[in-house]
């Protein structure tokens, strides 16, 4: 794999990508990404680095995407539920995925 050029545009502060549908908003902060590829292995139909955009938010359910984002070790991927018509969110927190903080997961975990 080629070394990442630190002067590259995606490494600048404030660069963030947003992918949304009617259920969730997924955020990706490239400067935080350590390329563990957990997202790609977890949901390759959603997270495909060869595609543009690389996140296909409608290719899986919000719950499946949230579960996969929970495996992101760097917090580069995080999400929040979309607001309902009532103005209330489907979950309380803007969730930053970090393996050490699974209790912040806004959706029930499957048993």
N, C-alpha and C. Protein backbone atom coordinates (compact mmCIF):
# COMPACT_ATOMS: atom_id res chain seq x y z
N UNK A 1 0.84 -1.17 0.00
CA UNK A 1 0.00 0.00 0.00
C UNK A 1 0.89 1.24 0.00
N UNK A 2 0.52 2.26 -0.76
CA UNK A 2 1.28 3.49 -0.83
C UNK A 2 1.12 4.28 0.46
N UNK A 3 2.15 5.00 0.83
CA UNK A 3 2.08 5.88 2.00
C UNK A 3 1.13 7.03 1.69
N UNK A 4 0.41 7.46 2.69
CA UNK A 4 -0.52 8.57 2.53
C UNK A 4 0.26 9.87 2.64
N UNK A 5 0.07 10.73 1.69
CA UNK A 5 0.70 12.04 1.70
C UNK A 5 -0.03 12.93 2.70
N UNK A 6 0.66 13.39 3.72
CA UNK A 6 0.04 14.21 4.77
C UNK A 6 -0.45 15.55 4.23
N UNK A 7 0.01 15.99 3.07
CA UNK A 7 -0.45 17.25 2.49
C UNK A 7 -1.70 17.07 1.64
N UNK A 8 -2.13 15.84 1.49
CA UNK A 8 -3.30 15.52 0.69
C UNK A 8 -4.54 16.19 1.30
N UNK A 9 -5.48 16.61 0.46
CA UNK A 9 -6.66 17.34 0.89
C UNK A 9 -7.48 16.67 1.97
N UNK A 10 -7.59 15.36 1.94
CA UNK A 10 -8.42 14.66 2.93
C UNK A 10 -7.82 14.70 4.33
N UNK A 11 -6.57 15.07 4.45
CA UNK A 11 -5.91 15.12 5.76
C UNK A 11 -6.03 16.49 6.43
N UNK A 12 -6.61 17.45 5.75
CA UNK A 12 -6.74 18.78 6.32
C UNK A 12 -7.82 18.81 7.39
N UNK A 13 -7.66 19.64 8.41
CA UNK A 13 -8.66 19.75 9.47
C UNK A 13 -10.02 20.16 8.88
N UNK A 14 -11.07 19.60 9.44
CA UNK A 14 -12.41 19.98 9.03
C UNK A 14 -12.95 19.23 7.83
N UNK A 15 -12.14 18.36 7.21
CA UNK A 15 -12.63 17.59 6.07
C UNK A 15 -13.41 16.40 6.63
N UNK A 16 -14.68 16.36 6.30
CA UNK A 16 -15.56 15.29 6.76
C UNK A 16 -16.56 15.00 5.66
N UNK A 17 -16.89 13.75 5.49
CA UNK A 17 -17.89 13.35 4.51
C UNK A 17 -19.15 12.94 5.25
N UNK A 18 -20.29 13.19 4.62
CA UNK A 18 -21.58 12.87 5.22
C UNK A 18 -22.41 12.09 4.21
N UNK A 19 -23.00 11.01 4.67
CA UNK A 19 -23.85 10.16 3.84
C UNK A 19 -25.15 9.99 4.60
N UNK A 20 -26.29 10.26 3.97
CA UNK A 20 -27.55 10.23 4.71
C UNK A 20 -28.67 9.57 3.92
N UNK A 21 -29.60 9.03 4.67
CA UNK A 21 -30.88 8.60 4.12
C UNK A 21 -31.96 9.01 5.13
N UNK A 22 -33.14 8.44 5.03
CA UNK A 22 -34.22 8.86 5.93
C UNK A 22 -34.08 8.32 7.35
N UNK A 23 -33.17 7.39 7.59
CA UNK A 23 -32.99 6.81 8.93
C UNK A 23 -31.76 7.31 9.67
N UNK A 24 -30.65 7.45 8.96
CA UNK A 24 -29.39 7.79 9.64
C UNK A 24 -28.54 8.73 8.81
N UNK A 25 -27.57 9.32 9.48
CA UNK A 25 -26.51 10.09 8.83
C UNK A 25 -25.21 9.45 9.27
N UNK A 26 -24.41 9.05 8.30
CA UNK A 26 -23.09 8.47 8.57
C UNK A 26 -22.04 9.52 8.23
N UNK A 27 -21.13 9.73 9.16
CA UNK A 27 -20.04 10.68 8.96
C UNK A 27 -18.74 9.89 8.87
N UNK A 28 -17.87 10.36 7.99
CA UNK A 28 -16.54 9.79 7.87
C UNK A 28 -15.54 10.93 7.93
N UNK A 29 -14.60 10.84 8.87
CA UNK A 29 -13.53 11.82 9.00
C UNK A 29 -12.23 11.18 8.53
N UNK A 30 -11.85 11.45 7.29
CA UNK A 30 -10.68 10.79 6.70
C UNK A 30 -9.41 10.95 7.52
N UNK A 31 -9.22 12.10 8.16
CA UNK A 31 -7.98 12.32 8.91
C UNK A 31 -7.86 11.39 10.10
N UNK A 32 -8.98 10.81 10.56
CA UNK A 32 -8.94 9.88 11.68
C UNK A 32 -8.82 8.42 11.24
N UNK A 33 -9.08 8.16 9.99
CA UNK A 33 -9.15 6.77 9.50
C UNK A 33 -7.77 6.11 9.52
N UNK A 34 -7.70 4.94 10.15
CA UNK A 34 -6.45 4.18 10.19
C UNK A 34 -6.49 2.99 9.24
N UNK A 35 -7.53 2.90 8.44
CA UNK A 35 -7.68 1.89 7.40
C UNK A 35 -7.63 0.46 7.94
N UNK A 36 -8.33 0.23 9.04
CA UNK A 36 -8.43 -1.12 9.59
C UNK A 36 -9.29 -2.01 8.70
N UNK A 37 -10.15 -1.41 7.89
CA UNK A 37 -11.04 -2.10 6.95
C UNK A 37 -12.14 -2.90 7.64
N UNK A 38 -12.41 -2.66 8.90
CA UNK A 38 -13.51 -3.34 9.58
C UNK A 38 -14.83 -3.05 8.87
N UNK A 39 -15.01 -1.83 8.41
CA UNK A 39 -16.25 -1.47 7.73
C UNK A 39 -16.39 -2.25 6.42
N UNK A 40 -15.32 -2.35 5.68
CA UNK A 40 -15.34 -3.04 4.38
C UNK A 40 -15.61 -4.52 4.57
N UNK A 41 -14.96 -5.13 5.56
CA UNK A 41 -15.20 -6.55 5.84
C UNK A 41 -16.61 -6.78 6.39
N UNK A 42 -17.10 -5.84 7.18
CA UNK A 42 -18.41 -5.99 7.82
C UNK A 42 -19.58 -5.83 6.87
N UNK A 43 -19.54 -4.83 6.01
CA UNK A 43 -20.62 -4.57 5.05
C UNK A 43 -20.03 -4.11 3.72
N UNK A 44 -19.47 -5.02 2.93
CA UNK A 44 -18.84 -4.61 1.68
C UNK A 44 -19.82 -3.98 0.69
N UNK A 45 -21.11 -4.29 0.80
CA UNK A 45 -22.09 -3.68 -0.10
C UNK A 45 -22.35 -2.22 0.26
N UNK A 46 -22.00 -1.81 1.46
CA UNK A 46 -22.15 -0.41 1.90
C UNK A 46 -20.84 0.34 1.78
N UNK A 47 -19.77 -0.24 2.29
CA UNK A 47 -18.46 0.42 2.34
C UNK A 47 -17.56 -0.17 1.26
N UNK A 48 -17.45 0.55 0.15
CA UNK A 48 -16.69 0.07 -1.01
C UNK A 48 -15.73 1.18 -1.45
N UNK A 49 -14.45 1.09 -1.08
CA UNK A 49 -13.51 2.16 -1.39
C UNK A 49 -13.27 2.37 -2.89
N UNK A 50 -13.64 1.40 -3.72
CA UNK A 50 -13.46 1.55 -5.16
C UNK A 50 -14.60 2.35 -5.80
N UNK A 51 -15.71 2.51 -5.09
CA UNK A 51 -16.88 3.21 -5.62
C UNK A 51 -16.85 4.69 -5.21
N UNK A 52 -17.57 5.51 -5.94
CA UNK A 52 -17.76 6.91 -5.58
C UNK A 52 -19.25 7.21 -5.64
N UNK A 53 -19.87 7.61 -4.57
CA UNK A 53 -19.29 7.71 -3.24
C UNK A 53 -18.98 6.33 -2.68
N UNK A 54 -18.04 6.27 -1.76
CA UNK A 54 -17.58 4.97 -1.24
C UNK A 54 -18.55 4.38 -0.22
N UNK A 55 -19.49 5.18 0.30
CA UNK A 55 -20.50 4.69 1.23
C UNK A 55 -21.85 4.70 0.52
N UNK A 56 -22.45 3.53 0.39
CA UNK A 56 -23.77 3.38 -0.22
C UNK A 56 -24.77 3.16 0.91
N UNK A 57 -25.28 4.24 1.44
CA UNK A 57 -26.09 4.24 2.67
C UNK A 57 -27.38 3.43 2.56
N UNK A 58 -27.89 3.23 1.36
CA UNK A 58 -29.14 2.49 1.18
C UNK A 58 -28.93 1.00 0.90
N UNK A 59 -27.70 0.52 0.96
CA UNK A 59 -27.41 -0.87 0.63
C UNK A 59 -27.58 -1.82 1.80
N UNK A 60 -27.94 -1.30 2.98
CA UNK A 60 -28.19 -2.13 4.17
C UNK A 60 -29.11 -1.35 5.09
N UNK A 61 -29.60 -2.02 6.11
CA UNK A 61 -30.48 -1.34 7.06
C UNK A 61 -29.65 -0.43 7.97
N UNK A 62 -30.33 0.52 8.58
CA UNK A 62 -29.66 1.41 9.53
C UNK A 62 -29.04 0.62 10.67
N UNK A 63 -29.73 -0.41 11.14
CA UNK A 63 -29.20 -1.24 12.22
C UNK A 63 -27.92 -1.97 11.80
N UNK A 64 -27.91 -2.50 10.59
CA UNK A 64 -26.71 -3.19 10.10
C UNK A 64 -25.54 -2.22 9.98
N UNK A 65 -25.81 -1.04 9.46
CA UNK A 65 -24.76 -0.03 9.32
C UNK A 65 -24.25 0.38 10.69
N UNK A 66 -25.16 0.60 11.64
CA UNK A 66 -24.75 0.99 13.00
C UNK A 66 -23.88 -0.09 13.63
N UNK A 67 -24.25 -1.34 13.48
CA UNK A 67 -23.46 -2.44 14.03
C UNK A 67 -22.06 -2.46 13.44
N UNK A 68 -21.95 -2.23 12.16
CA UNK A 68 -20.64 -2.23 11.51
C UNK A 68 -19.82 -1.02 11.95
N UNK A 69 -20.45 0.12 12.05
CA UNK A 69 -19.74 1.33 12.49
C UNK A 69 -19.19 1.14 13.91
N UNK A 70 -19.87 0.37 14.72
CA UNK A 70 -19.39 0.10 16.08
C UNK A 70 -18.03 -0.58 16.08
N UNK A 71 -17.64 -1.19 14.98
CA UNK A 71 -16.35 -1.90 14.92
C UNK A 71 -15.20 -0.98 14.49
N UNK A 72 -15.48 0.27 14.20
CA UNK A 72 -14.45 1.21 13.76
C UNK A 72 -13.56 1.57 14.95
N UNK A 73 -12.27 1.19 14.92
CA UNK A 73 -11.42 1.43 16.08
C UNK A 73 -10.97 2.88 16.26
N UNK A 74 -11.00 3.67 15.20
CA UNK A 74 -10.46 5.03 15.27
C UNK A 74 -11.52 6.10 15.53
N UNK A 75 -12.78 5.77 15.33
CA UNK A 75 -13.83 6.79 15.43
C UNK A 75 -13.98 7.59 14.16
N UNK A 76 -13.29 7.20 13.09
CA UNK A 76 -13.41 7.92 11.82
C UNK A 76 -14.82 7.82 11.26
N UNK A 77 -15.47 6.70 11.48
CA UNK A 77 -16.88 6.54 11.11
C UNK A 77 -17.73 6.72 12.34
N UNK A 78 -18.73 7.55 12.23
CA UNK A 78 -19.71 7.69 13.31
C UNK A 78 -21.05 8.05 12.68
N UNK A 79 -22.08 8.02 13.47
CA UNK A 79 -23.41 8.22 12.92
C UNK A 79 -24.31 8.92 13.91
N UNK A 80 -25.43 9.36 13.39
CA UNK A 80 -26.52 9.81 14.24
C UNK A 80 -27.81 9.45 13.52
N UNK A 81 -28.84 9.19 14.30
CA UNK A 81 -30.14 8.92 13.67
C UNK A 81 -30.70 10.20 13.07
N UNK A 82 -31.48 10.06 12.02
CA UNK A 82 -32.15 11.22 11.41
C UNK A 82 -33.33 11.61 12.27
N UNK A 83 -33.69 12.85 12.24
CA UNK A 83 -34.86 13.35 12.98
C UNK A 83 -36.14 12.87 12.29
N UNK A 84 -37.09 12.51 13.10
CA UNK A 84 -38.40 12.14 12.58
C UNK A 84 -39.18 13.41 12.28
N UNK A 85 -40.34 13.27 11.64
CA UNK A 85 -41.18 14.43 11.34
C UNK A 85 -41.57 15.17 12.61
N UNK A 86 -41.65 14.46 13.74
CA UNK A 86 -42.00 15.07 15.01
C UNK A 86 -40.87 15.94 15.56
N UNK A 87 -39.69 15.86 14.94
CA UNK A 87 -38.54 16.61 15.43
C UNK A 87 -37.70 15.81 16.41
N UNK A 88 -38.16 14.64 16.79
CA UNK A 88 -37.41 13.79 17.71
C UNK A 88 -36.54 12.83 16.92
N UNK A 89 -35.37 12.59 17.42
CA UNK A 89 -34.45 11.66 16.76
C UNK A 89 -34.81 10.23 17.12
N UNK A 90 -34.43 9.32 16.26
CA UNK A 90 -34.65 7.90 16.52
C UNK A 90 -33.81 7.42 17.69
N UNK A 91 -32.72 8.10 17.99
CA UNK A 91 -31.86 7.79 19.12
C UNK A 91 -31.39 9.10 19.74
N UNK A 92 -30.79 9.04 20.89
CA UNK A 92 -30.45 10.26 21.61
C UNK A 92 -29.15 10.89 21.18
N UNK A 93 -28.15 10.09 20.87
CA UNK A 93 -26.79 10.62 20.79
C UNK A 93 -26.25 10.63 19.38
N UNK A 94 -25.45 11.65 19.11
CA UNK A 94 -24.58 11.59 17.94
C UNK A 94 -23.51 10.59 18.34
N UNK A 95 -23.46 9.47 17.69
CA UNK A 95 -22.63 8.37 18.14
C UNK A 95 -21.31 8.31 17.39
N UNK A 96 -20.25 8.31 18.10
CA UNK A 96 -18.92 8.14 17.53
C UNK A 96 -18.51 6.71 17.85
N UNK A 97 -18.25 5.94 16.82
CA UNK A 97 -17.97 4.53 17.06
C UNK A 97 -16.57 4.36 17.62
N UNK A 98 -16.50 3.77 18.76
CA UNK A 98 -15.22 3.40 19.34
C UNK A 98 -15.46 2.10 20.09
N UNK A 99 -14.63 1.13 19.82
CA UNK A 99 -14.83 -0.21 20.38
C UNK A 99 -14.92 -0.18 21.90
N UNK A 100 -14.24 0.75 22.55
CA UNK A 100 -14.27 0.78 24.01
C UNK A 100 -15.53 1.45 24.55
N UNK A 101 -16.40 1.98 23.68
CA UNK A 101 -17.59 2.67 24.15
C UNK A 101 -18.87 2.12 23.52
N UNK A 102 -19.10 0.81 23.52
CA UNK A 102 -20.27 0.26 22.85
C UNK A 102 -21.59 0.66 23.50
N UNK A 103 -21.60 1.13 24.73
CA UNK A 103 -22.85 1.49 25.39
C UNK A 103 -23.53 2.68 24.73
N UNK A 104 -22.84 3.44 23.89
CA UNK A 104 -23.43 4.59 23.24
C UNK A 104 -24.24 4.23 22.00
N UNK A 105 -24.29 2.97 21.67
CA UNK A 105 -24.97 2.51 20.47
C UNK A 105 -26.45 2.91 20.53
N UNK A 106 -26.97 3.67 19.54
CA UNK A 106 -28.34 4.18 19.62
C UNK A 106 -29.42 3.16 19.27
N UNK A 107 -29.06 2.00 18.73
CA UNK A 107 -30.04 0.99 18.40
C UNK A 107 -29.83 -0.22 19.28
N UNK A 108 -30.89 -0.97 19.54
CA UNK A 108 -30.71 -2.20 20.35
C UNK A 108 -29.80 -3.18 19.63
N UNK A 109 -28.94 -3.80 20.38
CA UNK A 109 -28.06 -4.82 19.81
C UNK A 109 -28.81 -6.14 19.71
N UNK A 110 -28.62 -6.88 18.61
CA UNK A 110 -29.26 -8.20 18.52
C UNK A 110 -28.63 -9.16 19.51
N UNK A 111 -29.41 -10.09 19.98
CA UNK A 111 -28.90 -11.08 20.95
C UNK A 111 -28.45 -12.33 20.27
